[in-house]
N, C-alpha and C. Protein backbone atom coordinates (compact mmCIF):
# COMPACT_ATOMS: atom_id res chain seq x y z
N MET A 1 -6.79 -34.66 22.70
CA MET A 1 -6.19 -35.99 23.18
C MET A 1 -4.53 -35.67 22.84
N LEU A 2 -3.81 -36.25 23.63
CA LEU A 2 -2.28 -36.49 23.18
C LEU A 2 -1.87 -37.47 22.80
N THR A 3 -1.48 -37.76 21.66
CA THR A 3 -1.29 -39.02 21.00
C THR A 3 0.10 -39.40 20.66
N GLY A 4 1.21 -38.29 21.19
CA GLY A 4 2.39 -38.82 20.92
C GLY A 4 3.08 -39.49 21.86
N ASP A 5 4.45 -40.06 21.80
CA ASP A 5 4.94 -41.00 22.58
C ASP A 5 5.06 -40.39 24.01
N GLY A 6 4.70 -41.02 25.16
CA GLY A 6 5.06 -40.78 26.63
C GLY A 6 3.56 -40.14 27.18
N HIS A 7 2.69 -40.01 26.25
CA HIS A 7 1.29 -40.22 27.04
C HIS A 7 0.44 -40.93 27.58
N LEU A 8 0.75 -42.35 26.79
CA LEU A 8 -0.24 -43.21 27.07
C LEU A 8 -0.23 -43.63 28.71
N GLY A 9 -1.66 -43.68 28.93
CA GLY A 9 -1.81 -44.16 30.47
C GLY A 9 -1.50 -42.83 31.46
N ARG A 10 -1.27 -41.60 30.87
CA ARG A 10 -1.04 -40.52 31.75
C ARG A 10 -1.98 -39.66 32.00
N ALA A 11 -2.14 -39.08 33.39
CA ALA A 11 -3.13 -38.22 33.21
C ALA A 11 -2.66 -36.84 33.92
N TYR A 12 -3.30 -35.57 33.29
CA TYR A 12 -2.82 -34.36 33.26
C TYR A 12 -3.58 -33.65 34.15
N ASP A 13 -3.15 -32.68 34.84
CA ASP A 13 -4.08 -31.60 35.69
C ASP A 13 -3.30 -30.22 34.88
N PHE A 14 -3.89 -29.67 33.89
CA PHE A 14 -3.79 -28.33 33.12
C PHE A 14 -3.93 -27.23 34.00
N THR A 15 -3.14 -26.76 34.59
CA THR A 15 -3.15 -25.37 35.36
C THR A 15 -2.31 -24.37 34.85
N GLY A 16 -2.88 -22.80 35.07
CA GLY A 16 -2.05 -22.06 34.58
C GLY A 16 -1.52 -21.16 36.12
N PRO A 17 -1.00 -20.17 35.40
CA PRO A 17 -0.46 -19.16 36.89
C PRO A 17 -1.80 -18.90 37.40
N LEU A 18 -1.82 -18.59 38.58
CA LEU A 18 -2.69 -18.37 39.72
C LEU A 18 -3.35 -16.84 39.31
N TRP A 19 -4.55 -16.52 39.76
CA TRP A 19 -4.78 -15.17 39.49
C TRP A 19 -5.98 -15.23 40.23
N THR A 20 -6.24 -13.80 40.74
CA THR A 20 -7.49 -13.51 41.62
C THR A 20 -8.62 -12.70 41.10
N HIS A 21 -9.50 -12.69 41.54
CA HIS A 21 -11.05 -11.95 40.85
C HIS A 21 -10.48 -10.61 40.93
N PRO A 22 -10.16 -9.77 41.54
CA PRO A 22 -9.85 -8.60 41.74
C PRO A 22 -8.79 -8.07 40.88
N GLN A 23 -7.77 -8.95 40.54
CA GLN A 23 -6.95 -8.95 39.38
C GLN A 23 -7.63 -8.96 38.04
N VAL A 24 -8.60 -9.80 37.89
CA VAL A 24 -9.32 -10.13 36.65
C VAL A 24 -10.01 -8.68 36.54
N ALA A 25 -10.80 -8.20 37.67
CA ALA A 25 -11.85 -7.02 37.56
C ALA A 25 -10.94 -6.04 36.77
N GLU A 26 -9.46 -5.73 37.48
CA GLU A 26 -8.83 -4.55 37.08
C GLU A 26 -8.52 -4.79 35.69
N ALA A 27 -7.85 -6.01 35.54
CA ALA A 27 -7.63 -6.18 33.76
C ALA A 27 -8.77 -5.44 32.59
N LEU A 28 -10.01 -6.32 33.36
CA LEU A 28 -11.41 -5.87 32.41
C LEU A 28 -11.70 -4.45 32.79
N ASN A 29 -10.88 -3.56 33.68
CA ASN A 29 -11.49 -2.41 33.84
C ASN A 29 -12.70 -2.20 34.32
N VAL A 30 -13.21 -2.93 35.55
CA VAL A 30 -14.44 -3.11 35.91
C VAL A 30 -14.25 -2.87 37.25
N PRO A 31 -15.11 -2.66 38.34
CA PRO A 31 -15.13 -2.43 39.66
C PRO A 31 -15.26 -3.92 40.07
N TYR A 32 -14.31 -4.46 41.48
CA TYR A 32 -14.54 -5.46 41.92
C TYR A 32 -15.12 -5.35 43.36
N ARG A 33 -16.25 -6.01 43.73
CA ARG A 33 -16.77 -6.31 44.98
C ARG A 33 -16.94 -7.58 45.28
N GLU A 34 -16.94 -7.79 46.28
CA GLU A 34 -17.25 -9.00 47.02
C GLU A 34 -18.73 -8.94 47.38
N VAL A 35 -19.33 -10.32 46.99
CA VAL A 35 -20.70 -10.68 47.20
C VAL A 35 -20.63 -11.38 48.58
N PRO A 36 -21.83 -11.26 49.17
CA PRO A 36 -21.75 -12.00 50.24
C PRO A 36 -22.37 -13.18 49.83
N ASP A 37 -22.09 -14.19 50.84
CA ASP A 37 -22.74 -15.75 50.51
C ASP A 37 -24.18 -15.58 51.04
N ALA A 38 -24.95 -16.24 49.65
CA ALA A 38 -26.78 -16.47 49.95
C ALA A 38 -26.99 -17.12 51.46
N GLY A 39 -26.22 -18.17 52.07
CA GLY A 39 -26.43 -18.30 53.29
C GLY A 39 -26.20 -19.95 53.42
N PRO A 40 -26.64 -20.58 53.95
CA PRO A 40 -25.84 -22.03 53.98
C PRO A 40 -26.35 -22.97 52.98
N GLY A 41 -25.51 -23.73 52.46
CA GLY A 41 -25.68 -24.60 51.79
C GLY A 41 -24.35 -24.87 50.93
N PRO A 42 -24.50 -25.69 50.04
CA PRO A 42 -22.89 -25.91 49.03
C PRO A 42 -22.31 -24.99 48.09
N MET A 43 -23.13 -23.92 47.66
CA MET A 43 -22.23 -22.70 47.34
C MET A 43 -21.86 -21.78 48.21
N SER A 44 -22.11 -21.67 49.29
CA SER A 44 -21.52 -21.12 50.38
C SER A 44 -20.22 -21.55 51.10
N TRP A 45 -20.44 -23.17 50.88
CA TRP A 45 -19.08 -23.75 51.48
C TRP A 45 -18.33 -23.56 50.33
N ILE A 46 -18.59 -23.62 48.94
CA ILE A 46 -17.36 -23.62 47.87
C ILE A 46 -16.74 -22.12 47.96
N ASN A 47 -17.57 -20.98 48.19
CA ASN A 47 -17.21 -19.87 48.11
C ASN A 47 -16.23 -19.53 49.01
N ALA A 48 -16.48 -20.25 50.53
CA ALA A 48 -15.47 -20.11 51.51
C ALA A 48 -14.39 -20.58 51.25
N GLN A 49 -14.34 -21.93 50.66
CA GLN A 49 -12.91 -22.82 50.45
C GLN A 49 -12.14 -21.84 49.20
N VAL A 50 -12.75 -21.25 48.25
CA VAL A 50 -12.10 -20.35 47.33
C VAL A 50 -11.11 -18.83 47.84
N ARG A 51 -12.08 -18.37 48.93
CA ARG A 51 -11.61 -17.26 49.53
C ARG A 51 -10.32 -17.72 50.32
N ALA A 52 -10.60 -18.94 50.92
CA ALA A 52 -9.37 -19.10 51.82
C ALA A 52 -8.18 -19.82 51.14
N GLY A 53 -8.63 -20.11 49.70
CA GLY A 53 -7.35 -20.67 48.74
C GLY A 53 -7.28 -22.02 48.83
N ALA A 54 -8.16 -22.85 49.49
CA ALA A 54 -8.13 -24.16 49.74
C ALA A 54 -8.07 -24.89 47.91
N LEU A 55 -8.45 -24.28 47.39
CA LEU A 55 -8.98 -24.83 45.96
C LEU A 55 -7.72 -24.25 45.03
N GLU A 56 -6.67 -23.94 45.55
CA GLU A 56 -5.75 -23.41 44.53
C GLU A 56 -4.85 -24.47 44.41
N ARG A 57 -4.49 -24.82 42.87
CA ARG A 57 -3.70 -25.95 42.81
C ARG A 57 -3.03 -25.25 41.27
N GLN A 58 -1.97 -25.97 41.28
CA GLN A 58 -0.79 -25.19 40.32
C GLN A 58 0.24 -26.42 40.09
N THR A 59 -0.11 -26.80 38.84
CA THR A 59 1.08 -27.98 38.31
C THR A 59 1.77 -27.85 36.86
N PRO A 60 3.01 -28.22 36.88
CA PRO A 60 3.51 -28.04 35.71
C PRO A 60 3.11 -28.58 34.69
N ASP A 61 2.38 -29.45 34.42
CA ASP A 61 1.70 -30.03 33.32
C ASP A 61 1.64 -29.71 32.22
N LEU A 62 0.91 -28.30 32.21
CA LEU A 62 0.62 -27.70 31.05
C LEU A 62 2.11 -27.03 30.35
N GLU A 63 2.91 -26.38 31.14
CA GLU A 63 3.83 -25.72 30.61
C GLU A 63 5.08 -27.14 30.29
N ARG A 64 4.74 -28.44 30.52
CA ARG A 64 5.40 -29.42 30.15
C ARG A 64 5.11 -29.98 28.62
N VAL A 65 3.90 -29.89 28.88
CA VAL A 65 3.19 -30.19 27.53
C VAL A 65 3.18 -29.33 26.42
N LEU A 66 3.00 -28.20 26.67
CA LEU A 66 3.37 -26.93 25.70
C LEU A 66 4.77 -26.69 25.07
N GLY A 67 5.67 -26.85 26.21
CA GLY A 67 6.91 -26.76 26.26
C GLY A 67 7.25 -25.38 25.79
N ARG A 68 6.37 -24.42 26.74
CA ARG A 68 6.67 -23.08 26.95
C ARG A 68 5.70 -22.79 28.24
N PRO A 69 6.36 -21.50 28.85
CA PRO A 69 5.37 -20.92 29.85
C PRO A 69 3.81 -20.82 29.50
N ALA A 70 3.08 -21.30 30.17
CA ALA A 70 1.60 -20.88 29.86
C ALA A 70 1.27 -19.50 29.94
N GLU A 71 0.48 -19.06 29.56
CA GLU A 71 -0.48 -17.66 29.23
C GLU A 71 -1.16 -17.74 30.89
N THR A 72 -0.87 -16.48 31.11
CA THR A 72 -1.78 -16.08 32.46
C THR A 72 -2.89 -15.54 32.16
N VAL A 73 -4.15 -15.66 32.54
CA VAL A 73 -5.54 -15.01 32.41
C VAL A 73 -5.24 -13.44 32.30
N ILE A 74 -4.69 -12.61 33.06
CA ILE A 74 -4.34 -11.45 33.04
C ILE A 74 -3.83 -11.03 31.67
N SER A 75 -2.74 -11.52 31.14
CA SER A 75 -2.10 -11.50 29.86
C SER A 75 -2.84 -11.61 28.79
N HIS A 76 -3.89 -12.58 28.65
CA HIS A 76 -4.68 -13.05 27.57
C HIS A 76 -5.75 -12.33 27.45
N LEU A 77 -6.17 -11.32 28.61
CA LEU A 77 -7.30 -10.43 28.28
C LEU A 77 -6.70 -9.24 27.76
N LEU A 78 -5.39 -8.92 28.26
CA LEU A 78 -4.96 -7.52 28.11
C LEU A 78 -4.14 -7.50 26.45
N ALA A 79 -4.06 -9.16 26.04
CA ALA A 79 -3.49 -8.95 24.55
C ALA A 79 -5.09 -8.97 23.56
N ARG A 80 -6.30 -8.91 23.99
CA ARG A 80 -7.34 -9.06 23.35
C ARG A 80 -8.45 -7.86 23.79
N PRO A 81 -7.76 -6.97 23.19
CA PRO A 81 -8.72 -5.20 23.66
C PRO A 81 -10.22 -5.58 23.72
N ALA A 82 -10.78 -6.60 22.62
CA ALA A 82 -12.14 -6.84 22.32
C ALA A 82 -12.51 -7.15 23.78
N CYS A 83 -12.20 -8.14 24.65
CA CYS A 83 -12.60 -8.40 26.10
C CYS A 83 -12.59 -7.68 26.91
N VAL A 84 -11.90 -6.66 27.05
CA VAL A 84 -11.68 -5.64 27.90
C VAL A 84 -12.37 -4.30 27.56
N ARG A 85 -13.30 -4.27 28.55
CA ARG A 85 -14.68 -3.19 28.61
C ARG A 85 -13.65 -1.57 28.58
N ALA A 86 -13.66 -0.78 27.81
CA ALA A 86 -13.22 0.73 27.73
C ALA A 86 -13.69 1.51 29.18
N SER A 87 -13.00 2.28 29.38
CA SER A 87 -13.21 3.09 30.96
C SER A 87 -13.98 4.05 30.32
């Protein structure tokens, strides 16, 4: 909860830098492979939207509140070797 001046009544959409599943797989040192949709249904629709980039959204809200650049998923993983599987 943000309690400082200027936050009352504000809504934030905290997002960080965009990333892809192949980039995360590479950072984790695991192979990436596309998994085919299971068939018609809500998950198939969501997966198609994700692949098309329709759900990508990036706002400056997180960086403004933090007062610094947001950390990327990749840099976060690489800075924590326990998260990354050895080759």
